[in-house]
Amino acid sequence: MDDADRAIINGLQGAFPLSEEPFAEVAERLGLDRDDLIARIRRMLDNNVLTRFGPMYHAEKLGGGLTLAAMKVPEADFDAVAEQVNAHPEVAHNYARDHRLNMWFVIATETQQSIAEVIAAIEEETGLKVYNMPKIREFFIGLSFGA
């Protein structure tokens, strides 16, 4: 990763233009060529420097469901269970925690009712209980990852 890659990561976290040529607009802002910008993003994705490039939606405002979930996973089974959980396209942000509930993840679904279906599927596949911790109150904080 060079300075241009860092500028791309830092420059795209806050906003991406809604225009006919968003990559050209961003490239000009960063002093890059549009094709070079796209190639760099693609390379960072291919090399797992970036795990995702795309918009973040407010699932609930779109009629969907969103919840935080946790599981108590035996350490010997952790990687296998993580793979099972992560196989669900509704799961994001899966973290190992130093806590008796040692696996925490976010479930985002197209409908609020689908949360229970995803949890039931994960419980059936893993044989482990999923603790559903729906949001009580929402806080907005700025979050970005400096590269």
Foldseek 3Di string as FASTA:
>chain_A
DDPLLLCLQVVPPPHFDDDPLRLCVVQVVSVHHSVVSVVSVVVCCVVVVDVDDDDDDPLVVLAKAKWKKFWQDDPVCVVVLVVVLVVDPQWDDWAADPDSRGIMIMGIGNHRVCVVVSQVVSCVVPVTHMGTDGDPDDDDDDDGDRD
